[in-house]
Protein backbone atom coordinates (compact mmCIF):
# COMPACT_ATOMS: atom_id res chain seq x y z
CA MET A 1 0.09 0.00 -0.09
CA SER A 2 1.31 3.71 -1.11
CA GLY A 3 2.41 5.69 1.79
CA GLN A 4 1.84 9.40 2.50
CA ALA A 5 1.19 11.54 -0.50
CA PHE A 6 4.06 13.31 -2.31
CA ARG A 7 2.78 17.46 -2.08
CA GLN A 8 6.18 18.83 -3.21
CA PHE A 9 7.53 17.90 -6.61
CA ILE A 10 11.31 19.31 -7.47
CA VAL A 11 11.85 19.38 -11.01
CA LYS A 12 15.40 19.51 -12.12
CA MET A 13 14.83 21.79 -15.39
CA HIS A 14 18.42 22.15 -15.95
CA GLY A 15 20.90 19.62 -14.61
CA ARG A 16 24.42 22.31 -14.50
CA CYS A 17 25.27 25.47 -12.96
CA ASN A 18 26.97 28.65 -13.83
CA LEU A 19 28.48 28.94 -10.20
CA ALA A 20 31.08 26.57 -9.18
CA CYS A 21 30.81 26.86 -5.71
CA THR A 22 33.97 24.98 -4.05
CA TYR A 23 31.69 23.80 -1.09
CA CYS A 24 28.55 22.62 -3.44
CA TYR A 25 27.87 18.73 -2.19
CA LEU A 26 26.21 18.16 -5.32
CA TYR A 27 29.08 19.28 -7.82
CA GLU A 28 31.81 18.54 -5.38
CA GLY A 29 30.35 15.85 -3.29
CA PRO A 30 30.08 11.87 -3.17
CA ASP A 31 27.72 11.68 -6.07
CA ARG A 32 28.64 11.74 -9.43
CA THR A 33 24.96 10.68 -10.95
CA TRP A 34 24.94 14.21 -12.29
CA ARG A 35 28.22 13.68 -14.67
CA THR A 36 25.87 10.89 -16.79
CA ARG A 37 22.76 13.16 -17.26
CA PRO A 38 21.46 15.32 -19.62
CA ALA A 39 22.46 19.20 -19.01
CA THR A 40 18.34 20.16 -19.62
CA ALA A 41 15.49 18.44 -19.14
CA ALA A 42 13.92 17.28 -22.63
CA PRO A 43 10.20 18.27 -23.56
CA ASP A 44 9.14 14.79 -23.77
CA VAL A 45 10.67 14.46 -19.96
CA LEU A 46 8.69 17.79 -18.87
CA ASP A 47 5.44 17.02 -20.57
CA ARG A 48 5.57 13.41 -19.02
CA THR A 49 6.48 14.80 -15.18
CA ALA A 50 3.31 16.85 -15.72
CA ALA A 51 1.29 14.12 -16.71
CA ARG A 52 2.37 12.25 -13.81
CA ILE A 53 2.54 14.83 -11.51
CA ALA A 54 -1.40 15.28 -12.14
CA GLU A 55 -2.35 11.79 -12.15
CA HIS A 56 -0.71 11.67 -8.25
CA ALA A 57 -2.46 14.74 -7.59
CA ARG A 58 -6.07 13.34 -9.03
CA ALA A 59 -5.10 9.67 -7.37
CA HIS A 60 -4.64 11.37 -3.73
CA ALA A 61 -7.32 14.13 -4.26
CA LEU A 62 -4.26 16.83 -3.64
CA THR A 63 -6.67 20.30 -3.25
CA ASP A 64 -2.23 21.98 -3.45
CA LEU A 65 0.80 21.32 -4.08
CA SER A 66 4.39 22.60 -4.70
CA LEU A 67 6.30 22.75 -7.53
CA VAL A 68 10.46 23.36 -7.38
CA LEU A 69 11.94 24.48 -10.18
CA HIS A 70 15.23 23.44 -9.63
CA GLY A 71 19.10 22.73 -10.94
CA GLY A 72 21.60 23.47 -10.97
CA GLU A 73 20.89 26.60 -12.14
CA PRO A 74 17.30 26.39 -13.18
CA LEU A 75 17.42 29.77 -15.51
CA LEU A 76 20.12 28.10 -17.56
CA ALA A 77 17.02 26.36 -19.11
CA GLY A 78 15.27 29.70 -20.17
CA VAL A 79 12.21 31.45 -18.09
CA GLU A 80 9.94 30.88 -21.10
CA THR A 81 10.55 26.90 -20.40
CA LEU A 82 9.99 27.38 -16.94
CA THR A 83 6.67 29.26 -17.41
CA ARG A 84 5.71 26.78 -20.51
CA PHE A 85 6.25 23.68 -17.71
CA THR A 86 4.26 25.39 -15.08
CA ASP A 87 1.40 25.97 -16.85
CA LEU A 88 1.67 22.81 -18.09
CA VAL A 89 1.15 21.40 -14.91
CA ARG A 90 -1.49 23.65 -13.95
CA ASP A 91 -3.39 22.59 -17.23
CA ARG A 92 -3.39 19.21 -16.17
CA VAL A 93 -4.18 18.47 -12.17
CA PRO A 94 -7.54 18.41 -11.33
CA THR A 95 -10.11 21.03 -11.06
CA GLY A 96 -9.74 22.69 -7.50
CA CYS A 97 -6.04 21.55 -7.27
CA THR A 98 -3.87 25.13 -6.97
CA VAL A 99 -0.05 24.60 -7.72
CA HIS A 100 2.46 26.60 -5.80
CA ALA A 101 5.50 27.19 -8.26
CA VAL A 102 8.69 28.42 -7.01
CA VAL A 103 12.07 28.66 -8.91
CA GLN A 104 15.20 28.02 -6.47
CA THR A 105 18.02 30.31 -8.14
CA ASN A 106 21.47 31.69 -7.20
CA ALA A 107 20.15 35.31 -8.45
CA THR A 108 23.04 36.00 -11.19
CA LEU A 109 20.95 35.21 -13.97
CA LEU A 110 17.91 37.60 -12.77
CA THR A 111 16.69 40.57 -15.19
CA ALA A 112 13.92 42.96 -14.50
CA ARG A 113 12.34 40.96 -17.99
CA ARG A 114 12.83 37.81 -16.70
CA LEU A 115 11.27 38.71 -13.04
CA ALA A 116 8.23 39.99 -15.30
CA VAL A 117 8.32 36.57 -16.79
CA LEU A 118 8.50 34.58 -13.99
CA ALA A 119 6.09 36.69 -11.91
CA GLY A 120 3.29 37.08 -15.02
CA GLY A 121 3.58 33.34 -14.90
CA GLY A 122 2.65 32.72 -11.33
CA ILE A 123 6.09 31.32 -10.17
CA ARG A 124 7.66 32.77 -6.73
CA ILE A 125 11.49 33.22 -6.49
CA SER A 126 13.62 31.73 -4.00
CA VAL A 127 17.12 32.84 -3.87
CA SER A 128 19.83 31.10 -2.63
CA LEU A 129 22.69 33.37 -0.97
CA ASP A 130 25.34 32.58 1.83
CA GLY A 131 24.87 36.17 3.01
CA GLY A 132 23.98 39.40 2.33
CA ARG A 133 27.78 40.71 1.57
CA ALA A 134 30.76 40.02 -0.92
CA ALA A 135 33.21 38.29 1.64
CA HIS A 136 29.79 35.96 3.06
CA ASN A 137 30.24 34.68 -0.81
CA ALA A 138 33.66 34.50 -1.52
CA ARG A 139 33.39 30.78 -2.11
CA ARG A 140 30.65 31.36 -4.60
CA VAL A 141 32.29 31.48 -7.57
CA ASP A 142 31.57 31.06 -11.64
CA HIS A 143 33.89 28.69 -13.88
CA ALA A 144 36.71 30.94 -14.09
CA GLY A 145 37.24 31.54 -10.34
CA ARG A 146 35.45 35.03 -10.63
CA PRO A 147 32.92 36.35 -7.96
CA SER A 148 29.16 36.16 -8.10
CA TRP A 149 28.03 38.18 -5.34
CA PRO A 150 28.16 41.86 -7.96
CA ALA A 151 25.68 39.98 -10.15
CA ALA A 152 23.40 37.73 -7.29
CA ALA A 153 22.93 41.07 -5.25
CA ARG A 154 21.88 42.84 -8.19
CA GLY A 155 19.13 40.11 -8.66
CA ALA A 156 18.39 40.41 -5.76
CA LEU A 157 17.76 43.77 -5.49
CA LEU A 158 15.78 43.54 -8.12
CA ALA A 159 13.58 40.90 -7.17
CA ALA A 160 12.02 42.85 -4.42
CA GLU A 161 12.01 45.70 -6.25
CA HIS A 162 10.69 45.00 -9.49
CA ALA A 163 8.55 41.61 -8.40
CA PRO A 164 7.95 41.91 -4.71
CA ALA A 165 4.97 40.11 -4.80
CA ALA A 166 6.94 37.13 -6.03
CA TYR A 167 9.61 37.48 -3.93
CA ALA A 168 9.79 34.19 -1.72
CA GLY A 169 13.02 35.04 0.28
CA ILE A 170 16.40 33.90 0.67
CA LEU A 171 18.11 30.56 1.35
CA THR A 172 21.50 30.73 3.37
CA VAL A 173 23.36 27.67 4.68
CA VAL A 174 24.90 28.30 8.10
CA ASP A 175 28.88 28.99 7.76
CA ALA A 176 29.53 28.47 11.93
CA THR A 177 32.93 30.93 10.93
CA LEU A 178 30.93 34.16 10.28
CA ASP A 179 29.51 36.43 13.02
CA PRO A 180 26.01 35.20 13.17
CA VAL A 181 24.17 38.41 13.68
CA GLU A 182 26.26 40.49 11.20
CA THR A 183 25.04 38.08 8.54
CA TYR A 184 21.15 37.97 9.65
CA GLU A 185 21.46 41.82 9.25
CA SER A 186 23.47 42.03 6.19
CA LEU A 187 20.51 39.55 4.48
CA LEU A 188 18.23 42.16 5.83
CA GLY A 189 19.94 44.56 3.20
CA LEU A 190 18.35 42.65 0.18
CA ARG A 191 14.62 42.98 1.78
CA PRO A 192 13.51 39.31 2.11
CA PRO A 193 10.17 38.88 3.11
CA ALA A 194 11.30 35.77 4.52
CA LEU A 195 14.23 33.85 5.59
CA ASN A 196 15.43 30.14 5.75
CA PHE A 197 18.80 28.96 7.59
CA LEU A 198 20.20 25.19 6.73
CA LEU A 199 22.70 23.38 8.24
CA PRO A 200 25.43 22.44 6.13
CA HIS A 201 24.83 19.26 5.03
CA GLY A 202 26.95 16.24 7.16
CA ASN A 203 26.79 12.91 8.45
CA TRP A 204 28.95 10.71 11.47
CA SER A 205 30.97 9.65 8.51
CA THR A 206 31.83 12.78 6.51
CA PRO A 207 31.41 15.31 9.64
CA PRO A 208 30.06 19.05 8.76
CA PRO A 209 33.11 21.75 8.34
CA HIS A 210 33.50 23.45 12.25
CA TRP A 211 31.60 21.04 13.73
CA SER A 212 32.38 20.93 17.14
CA GLY A 213 30.58 21.94 20.74
CA ALA A 214 27.36 22.76 19.21
CA ARG A 215 28.99 25.66 17.31
CA HIS A 216 26.07 25.59 15.06
CA GLY A 217 23.52 26.01 17.30
CA GLU A 218 25.21 28.38 19.34
CA TRP A 219 25.12 30.57 15.89
CA LEU A 220 21.25 29.84 15.41
CA CYS A 221 20.59 30.91 18.56
CA ALA A 222 22.30 34.55 18.33
CA VAL A 223 20.66 34.69 15.24
CA PHE A 224 17.06 33.99 16.82
CA ASP A 225 17.52 36.29 19.76
CA ARG A 226 18.46 39.44 17.24
CA TRP A 227 15.57 38.29 15.37
CA TRP A 228 13.37 37.67 18.86
CA ASP A 229 14.23 40.93 20.29
CA ALA A 230 13.50 43.50 17.27
CA GLY A 231 10.61 45.07 18.45
CA ARG A 232 8.91 44.29 14.99
CA ARG A 233 8.74 41.36 12.43
CA GLU A 234 11.64 42.18 9.68
CA THR A 235 11.00 39.04 8.24
CA ARG A 236 9.70 35.48 8.98
CA VAL A 237 12.54 32.96 9.61
CA ARG A 238 11.13 30.08 8.94
CA LEU A 239 13.05 27.55 11.01
CA PHE A 240 12.60 29.71 14.01
CA GLU A 241 8.66 29.56 13.30
CA GLU A 242 8.38 26.14 12.68
CA CYS A 243 10.16 25.21 15.85
CA LEU A 244 8.22 27.60 17.74
CA ALA A 245 4.85 26.12 16.09
CA LEU A 246 5.95 22.68 17.12
CA LEU A 247 6.61 23.79 20.86
CA LEU A 248 3.09 25.00 20.46
CA GLY A 249 1.87 21.71 19.20
CA MET A 250 1.17 22.61 15.85
CA PRO A 251 2.15 20.08 13.13
CA SER A 252 5.40 20.63 11.07
CA ALA A 253 5.70 21.73 7.66
CA THR A 254 9.50 20.98 7.17
CA GLU A 255 11.73 18.19 6.67
CA SER A 256 14.59 19.50 9.09
CA LEU A 257 12.26 19.61 12.37
CA GLY A 258 9.07 17.84 13.34
CA LEU A 259 7.91 14.18 12.41
CA ALA A 260 5.67 15.21 9.86
CA PRO A 261 5.69 12.24 7.02
CA PHE A 262 8.08 13.08 4.32
CA ASP A 263 6.51 14.34 1.41
CA ALA A 264 9.02 15.50 -1.60
CA VAL A 265 9.87 13.66 -4.35
CA VAL A 266 12.63 14.51 -7.15
CA VAL A 267 12.65 14.40 -11.19
CA GLU A 268 15.86 14.37 -13.03
CA THR A 269 16.62 15.95 -16.53
CA ASP A 270 16.51 12.73 -17.98
CA GLY A 271 12.82 11.66 -16.16
CA SER A 272 14.70 9.86 -13.69
CA ILE A 273 12.63 9.69 -10.00
CA GLU A 274 15.00 10.06 -7.27
CA GLN A 275 14.98 11.26 -3.49
CA THR A 276 15.72 14.74 -2.46
CA ASP A 277 19.56 16.13 -3.53
CA SER A 278 20.33 16.37 0.56
CA LEU A 279 21.13 12.30 0.21
CA LYS A 280 23.95 12.90 -2.36
CA SER A 281 25.75 14.38 0.73
CA ALA A 282 26.11 10.94 1.87
CA TYR A 283 26.92 8.54 -0.73
CA ASP A 284 27.23 7.86 -4.46
CA GLY A 285 23.69 6.96 -5.41
CA ALA A 286 21.91 7.62 -2.23
CA ALA A 287 19.03 9.04 -3.60
CA HIS A 288 19.11 6.62 -6.43
CA THR A 289 15.38 4.64 -7.08
CA GLY A 290 16.06 2.87 -10.34
CA LEU A 291 12.24 4.39 -11.30
CA ASP A 292 11.45 6.89 -13.72
CA VAL A 293 8.48 8.68 -14.97
CA PHE A 294 8.31 6.67 -18.52
CA ARG A 295 7.55 3.18 -16.86
CA ASN A 296 6.78 4.39 -13.28
CA THR A 297 3.95 6.32 -11.47
CA PHE A 298 4.62 8.59 -8.43
CA ASP A 299 2.70 5.79 -6.09
CA ASP A 300 5.43 3.49 -7.48
CA ALA A 301 7.72 5.77 -5.65
CA LEU A 302 6.07 5.77 -2.65
CA ARG A 303 6.36 1.93 -2.69
CA HIS A 304 9.98 2.13 -2.52
CA PRO A 305 11.64 0.82 0.01
CA ALA A 306 13.71 3.86 0.74
CA VAL A 307 10.91 6.24 0.59
CA ALA A 308 8.81 3.81 3.04
CA ALA A 309 11.53 4.15 5.27
CA ARG A 310 11.82 7.86 5.29
CA GLN A 311 7.44 7.75 6.18
CA ALA A 312 8.22 5.85 9.02
CA GLY A 313 7.79 8.28 11.21
CA THR A 314 9.45 7.34 14.78
CA ALA A 315 9.79 3.86 13.82
CA ALA A 316 12.70 4.88 11.24
CA LEU A 317 14.66 6.47 14.17
CA ALA A 318 16.94 5.68 16.57
CA PRO A 319 16.30 4.37 19.90
CA GLN A 320 17.86 7.47 21.74
CA CYS A 321 15.80 9.72 19.53
CA ARG A 322 12.17 7.87 20.12
CA ALA A 323 13.23 8.38 24.12
CA CYS A 324 14.35 11.88 23.62
CA PRO A 325 12.29 14.13 25.27
CA LEU A 326 12.50 17.28 22.35
CA LEU A 327 11.67 14.14 19.81
CA THR A 328 8.03 15.84 18.71
CA VAL A 329 10.26 19.07 17.68
CA CYS A 330 13.28 17.76 16.82
CA GLY A 331 11.74 14.82 14.92
CA GLY A 332 15.33 13.30 14.64
CA GLY A 333 16.71 16.07 12.37
CA HIS A 334 16.98 16.16 8.90
CA TYR A 335 17.38 12.51 7.63
CA ALA A 336 20.62 13.03 5.41
CA HIS A 337 22.05 14.11 8.41
CA ARG A 338 21.65 10.76 10.60
CA TYR A 339 23.73 8.61 8.10
CA ARG A 340 26.58 6.67 9.25
CA ALA A 341 28.55 4.02 6.77
CA GLY A 342 27.70 0.61 7.68
CA HIS A 343 24.90 1.19 9.97
CA GLY A 344 22.85 3.33 7.67
CA PHE A 345 20.35 6.31 8.66
CA ARG A 346 18.98 5.10 11.79
CA ASN A 347 21.23 7.42 14.04
CA PRO A 348 20.75 10.59 15.75
CA SER A 349 21.56 13.69 13.62
CA VAL A 350 25.27 14.85 13.68
CA TYR A 351 24.10 18.15 14.32
CA CYS A 352 21.89 16.60 17.66
CA ALA A 353 23.85 18.34 19.86
CA ASP A 354 23.18 21.86 18.29
CA LEU A 355 19.31 21.21 17.67
CA GLN A 356 18.86 20.55 21.53
CA ARG A 357 20.70 23.81 22.06
CA LEU A 358 18.55 25.86 20.20
CA ILE A 359 15.09 24.02 20.63
CA ARG A 360 15.69 24.58 24.17
CA HIS A 361 16.86 27.94 23.87
CA ILE A 362 13.82 28.61 21.85
CA ALA A 363 11.58 27.04 24.38
CA ALA A 364 12.93 29.14 26.96
CA ARG A 365 12.46 32.24 25.32
CA LEU A 366 8.49 31.27 24.31
CA ALA A 367 7.85 30.23 27.89
CA ALA A 368 9.63 33.59 29.06
CA HIS A 369 7.32 35.60 27.06
CA ALA A 370 3.76 33.81 26.71
CA PRO A 371 3.19 31.90 29.64
CA ASP A 372 -0.20 31.97 28.26
CA ALA A 373 0.24 30.10 25.35
CA ALA A 374 -0.61 27.31 26.50
CA PRO A 375 3.14 24.98 24.96
CA THR A 376 3.02 21.23 25.04
CA ALA A 377 4.10 19.50 27.26
CA THR A 378 7.51 18.73 25.00
CA ALA A 379 8.42 22.82 25.48
CA VAL A 380 7.78 22.08 29.08
CA ARG A 381 10.25 19.68 29.14
CA ALA A 382 12.81 21.58 27.28
CA VAL A 383 12.53 24.44 29.27
CA ARG A 384 12.98 21.99 32.63
CA THR A 385 16.09 20.06 31.21
CA ALA A 386 17.93 23.20 29.75
CA PRO A 387 20.69 24.86 31.82
CA ALA A 388 20.19 27.47 33.70
CA ALA A 389 21.86 29.87 31.52
CA ILE A 390 19.22 29.38 28.78
CA ALA A 391 16.10 29.17 30.80
CA GLY A 392 17.09 32.83 32.48
CA HIS A 393 16.58 34.40 29.16
CA ALA A 394 13.76 36.94 28.63
CA ALA A 395 12.18 39.84 26.43
CA PRO A 396 9.42 40.80 24.67
CA ALA A 397 8.89 39.31 21.59
CA PRO A 398 7.50 40.92 18.57
CA HIS A 399 5.58 37.92 16.99
CA SER A 400 1.94 37.20 17.11
CA LEU A 401 2.25 33.49 17.68
CA PRO A 402 -0.99 31.88 16.34
CA ALA A 403 0.13 33.47 13.08
CA LEU A 404 3.07 32.42 12.07
CA ARG A 405 2.75 30.26 9.37
CA GLU A 406 0.73 33.44 7.21
CA GLY A 407 2.39 34.08 3.71
CA GLY A 408 4.39 31.03 3.12
CA ALA A 409 8.40 31.07 3.36
CA PRO A 410 11.07 29.70 1.13
């Protein structure tokens, strides 16, 4: 029997990138499957993918789904190709099913005209950056070694100025060597409606950079305090808002936290159906399923053992995770971060200490500011088991907690 339906379809519009970031887990990591795939998704691949998405939406009576136009750098495929494919999906899904489309881009190829085409096609723009200054993006260079920052900053600001309604926000991977507050404030200068901070991909066999002493958790706590104490909502930060929501007993809407069933699937440029790219940071072929849109349905992918394992909830977690008082908030952390060679993914996250530090810190701030917000038992336990130095924090918050998820986020 099929598991939880897919609701997020990540389609590789282009399999190459115009940048050569030195730390890229996709092109510089252990997985090499991208080398044998075509650079662009052919029209027949996109046609069949749209048909499969519509088939899945119909079979599971989906009322909405997320279409993520991805790469590589998807803008290399051309904005007209992106809008045609999005229109094709929207035309084919059942009546009453809303398609939320977003393109994930490094912003270097954005122009006013391209933004107008994307916005006119109902496609939101999410930008990937390391920070809001040139120094933060020193490792994001093109294939000739030239810095990408001037073009990326120009693109992000164009989105804010010319397509504010379509500007979804910025994704940033945490760099623990940078000043957290400076990084956050520099990103605010690009006027994003939302931010999302991602932990660098790594696992027990290949630990992430600068991994020691909950350093990434401390970094995120510093950003949280700056965000929480601002006196007004300067921007949404998805990681923080999801954590707050989970502490208040609301369901999760992110792969990084909570116990909500995994619901994302990838279609590569050759039509292969795969698991999410993050798994490629573990080992070569980790995302492979052997399925494709020409021979298989997305329900076939739901029945794949690796996908079923990701949808098994607490049964897929390590014993120490199932016994942890923070389980319903942490959820074991990001699946890719649990990998250990020879032991698979049934391990705590390599970021276990960081996640505990962040969750307990946020729980303490929430409890101090909103004692009547009816936090869950998990939140109460998080505060009671937190070090006194964490629990001592208290300051007014500018946020309306019941409205945490208004408007979406990258």
